[in-house]
Amino acid sequence: MNPPEKRPATPEEGTSAAVLHAVGAVPSLLPLAAESTRFTFSSSLDSDGRAAPRTRVIGRQWLTIGRWAGNIDAAARVADKLVDNAVRHGKPFDDGKIVLRMLALGETEELLIEVDDAYADFPDFNQVSRPNREPCSAPTGLWWLAHYYGTLSWATKQDDTGQVIGKTVQAILPVRWDGDV
């Protein structure tokens, strides 16, 4: 799996200075959507108990429409878990919503899944983001991302004035992983 190209740690003029938090990584900027993005989907979701199941349904639809070559059910499950975590542990924006984005990267065909919420912290990130693919009796939450060989990162989200207004949690899923047919 080749991760998307990262922007330099020192922002250039006119770019965002959001810092990426990733396990064992040097802080850098979140990857921006490349011009070669195969498709982009974005939706605002009500931050309630129905957001995660809705995400799974619309995720399957949009990944099918976008003809993503990876495991659509796995990607929809990961998106569901990211949205569920934002609803349970994050905070909705003033309009009561959180934001879901999915982008298929043209060069690598990896899937970028991003969820924005208004809570600017990710407590215990290093603990919950450890890649542990071992089967467990009751898999929950972000375990699914590790199971599908994805990577997790997050960054604070800023408005145009530089004011921190929340965070973006980002998962990157490969098109294929060991065991895929």
Protein backbone atom coordinates (compact mmCIF):
# COMPACT_ATOMS: atom_id res chain seq x y z
CA MET A 1 0.00 0.00 0.00
CA ASN A 2 1.41 3.34 -1.01
CA PRO A 3 0.11 6.20 1.15
CA PRO A 4 -0.95 9.38 -0.60
CA GLU A 5 1.75 11.98 -1.02
CA LYS A 6 2.06 14.18 2.07
CA ARG A 7 2.55 17.93 1.93
CA PRO A 8 5.66 19.36 3.65
CA ALA A 9 5.49 20.00 7.40
CA THR A 10 6.11 23.70 6.83
CA PRO A 11 3.02 25.14 5.18
CA GLU A 12 3.47 27.12 2.02
CA GLU A 13 1.73 30.43 1.55
CA GLY A 14 -2.03 30.00 1.26
CA THR A 15 -2.19 26.45 2.67
CA SER A 16 -3.74 25.16 5.88
CA ALA A 17 -1.50 24.45 8.85
CA ALA A 18 -3.52 21.57 10.31
CA VAL A 19 -1.22 19.11 12.07
CA LEU A 20 -1.70 15.42 11.39
CA HIS A 21 -1.54 13.06 14.36
CA ALA A 22 -0.57 9.55 13.32
CA VAL A 23 0.88 6.64 15.22
CA GLY A 24 4.67 6.69 15.01
CA ALA A 25 4.68 9.45 12.41
CA VAL A 26 6.27 12.85 12.32
CA PRO A 27 3.52 15.51 12.33
CA SER A 28 2.67 16.73 8.84
CA LEU A 29 -0.28 18.19 7.00
CA LEU A 30 -3.31 16.15 6.07
CA PRO A 31 -3.06 14.98 2.48
CA LEU A 32 -5.16 17.17 0.24
CA ALA A 33 -7.39 15.79 -2.49
CA ALA A 34 -5.25 15.31 -5.56
CA GLU A 35 -6.40 16.44 -8.98
CA SER A 36 -6.40 12.76 -9.90
CA THR A 37 -9.18 11.93 -7.44
CA ARG A 38 -11.45 9.36 -9.08
CA PHE A 39 -14.53 10.47 -7.15
CA THR A 40 -15.47 12.58 -4.14
CA PHE A 41 -18.53 12.23 -1.95
CA SER A 42 -19.47 14.56 0.90
CA SER A 43 -22.50 14.62 3.18
CA SER A 44 -23.65 16.36 6.36
CA LEU A 45 -25.27 13.91 8.76
CA ASP A 46 -27.46 14.53 11.79
CA SER A 47 -25.38 13.66 14.85
CA ASP A 48 -27.72 11.05 16.29
CA GLY A 49 -28.02 7.28 16.72
CA ARG A 50 -29.10 6.83 13.09
CA ALA A 51 -26.00 8.47 11.59
CA ALA A 52 -23.81 5.35 11.58
CA PRO A 53 -26.35 2.98 9.98
CA ARG A 54 -27.19 5.68 7.43
CA THR A 55 -23.49 6.02 6.67
CA ARG A 56 -23.22 2.34 5.87
CA VAL A 57 -26.12 2.55 3.41
CA ILE A 58 -25.02 5.73 1.64
CA GLY A 59 -21.39 4.60 1.73
CA ARG A 60 -22.25 1.42 -0.17
CA GLN A 61 -24.28 3.41 -2.68
CA TRP A 62 -21.60 6.02 -3.38
CA LEU A 63 -18.72 3.57 -3.48
CA THR A 64 -20.68 1.47 -5.98
CA ILE A 65 -21.60 4.52 -8.08
CA GLY A 66 -17.95 5.67 -7.94
CA ARG A 67 -16.82 2.17 -8.95
CA TRP A 68 -14.28 1.90 -6.16
CA ALA A 69 -12.34 -1.31 -6.79
CA GLY A 70 -11.89 -2.19 -3.11
CA ASN A 71 -14.11 -4.08 -0.69
CA ILE A 72 -17.18 -1.85 -0.54
CA ASP A 73 -18.71 -3.58 2.50
CA ALA A 74 -15.45 -3.18 4.45
CA ALA A 75 -15.17 0.50 3.50
CA ALA A 76 -18.79 1.17 4.44
CA ARG A 77 -18.21 -0.55 7.80
CA VAL A 78 -15.13 1.61 8.50
CA ALA A 79 -17.04 4.79 7.55
CA ASP A 80 -19.87 3.65 9.85
CA LYS A 81 -17.39 3.23 12.74
CA LEU A 82 -15.78 6.64 12.18
CA VAL A 83 -19.20 8.33 12.13
CA ASP A 84 -20.31 6.36 15.19
CA ASN A 85 -17.18 7.50 17.07
CA ALA A 86 -17.84 11.13 16.10
CA VAL A 87 -21.43 10.86 17.37
CA ARG A 88 -20.45 9.09 20.62
CA HIS A 89 -17.17 10.79 21.50
CA GLY A 90 -17.15 13.99 19.43
CA LYS A 91 -19.46 16.94 19.27
CA PRO A 92 -21.76 18.10 16.48
CA PHE A 93 -21.27 21.48 14.82
CA ASP A 94 -23.71 24.28 15.67
CA ASP A 95 -26.20 22.95 13.09
CA GLY A 96 -26.30 19.55 14.90
CA LYS A 97 -24.39 17.80 12.13
CA ILE A 98 -21.09 16.06 11.45
CA VAL A 99 -19.49 15.80 8.01
CA LEU A 100 -18.52 12.65 6.09
CA ARG A 101 -16.24 12.70 3.04
CA MET A 102 -15.02 9.82 0.89
CA LEU A 103 -12.41 10.25 -1.85
CA ALA A 104 -10.98 7.57 -4.11
CA LEU A 105 -7.41 8.51 -4.91
CA GLY A 106 -6.75 8.15 -8.63
CA GLU A 107 -3.12 7.09 -8.52
CA THR A 108 -3.21 4.49 -5.73
CA GLU A 109 -6.98 3.82 -5.73
CA GLU A 110 -6.88 3.97 -1.93
CA LEU A 111 -10.00 5.26 -0.24
CA LEU A 112 -9.76 8.30 2.00
CA ILE A 113 -12.61 8.50 4.54
CA GLU A 114 -12.84 11.67 6.62
CA VAL A 115 -15.26 12.65 9.37
CA ASP A 116 -15.40 16.18 10.83
CA ASP A 117 -16.87 17.06 14.21
CA ALA A 118 -16.67 20.07 16.53
CA TYR A 119 -14.63 18.45 19.34
CA ALA A 120 -11.01 19.53 18.82
CA ASP A 121 -9.35 16.63 20.64
CA PHE A 122 -8.97 12.86 20.20
CA PRO A 123 -8.27 11.49 23.69
CA ASP A 124 -6.39 8.17 23.79
CA PHE A 125 -5.63 8.33 20.05
CA ASN A 126 -2.43 6.31 20.40
CA GLN A 127 -4.26 3.59 22.31
CA VAL A 128 -7.24 3.20 19.95
CA SER A 129 -5.26 3.53 16.74
CA ARG A 130 -2.74 0.74 17.36
CA PRO A 131 -2.86 -1.72 14.50
CA ASN A 132 -4.00 -5.00 16.04
CA ARG A 133 -5.51 -7.34 13.49
CA GLU A 134 -5.89 -10.26 15.89
CA PRO A 135 -9.43 -11.64 16.03
CA CYS A 136 -11.33 -10.73 19.14
CA SER A 137 -14.58 -12.07 20.57
CA ALA A 138 -16.53 -8.83 20.13
CA PRO A 139 -14.84 -6.49 17.65
CA THR A 140 -15.75 -2.87 18.19
CA GLY A 141 -15.13 0.49 16.66
CA LEU A 142 -11.75 1.20 15.20
CA TRP A 143 -10.59 -2.44 15.43
CA TRP A 144 -12.24 -2.86 12.03
CA LEU A 145 -9.90 -0.31 10.47
CA ALA A 146 -6.83 -2.27 11.62
CA HIS A 147 -8.49 -5.50 10.50
CA TYR A 148 -8.81 -4.12 6.96
CA TYR A 149 -5.18 -2.85 6.97
CA GLY A 150 -6.20 0.79 7.08
CA THR A 151 -4.39 3.67 8.72
CA LEU A 152 -5.85 6.28 11.04
CA SER A 153 -4.87 9.89 11.63
CA TRP A 154 -6.49 13.09 12.81
CA ALA A 155 -5.95 16.84 12.71
CA THR A 156 -7.56 19.88 14.25
CA LYS A 157 -9.94 21.66 11.90
CA GLN A 158 -9.61 25.42 11.51
CA ASP A 159 -11.84 28.08 9.99
CA ASP A 160 -10.58 30.75 7.57
CA THR A 161 -9.30 32.90 10.46
CA GLY A 162 -7.21 30.10 11.95
CA GLN A 163 -9.62 29.51 14.84
CA VAL A 164 -9.81 25.82 15.83
CA ILE A 165 -13.39 24.67 15.26
CA GLY A 166 -13.09 20.89 15.66
CA LYS A 167 -11.19 17.98 14.17
CA THR A 168 -10.99 15.77 11.12
CA VAL A 169 -10.48 12.04 11.64
CA GLN A 170 -9.11 10.33 8.57
CA ALA A 171 -8.86 6.68 7.57
CA ILE A 172 -7.06 5.42 4.48
CA LEU A 173 -8.07 2.00 3.17
CA PRO A 174 -6.10 0.04 0.59
CA VAL A 175 -7.87 -1.40 -2.42
CA ARG A 176 -6.50 -4.87 -1.61
CA TRP A 177 -5.02 -6.54 1.43
CA ASP A 178 -3.81 -10.04 2.30
CA GLY A 179 -6.67 -12.49 1.98
CA ASP A 180 -8.48 -10.52 -0.72
CA VAL A 181 -9.47 -12.52 -3.74
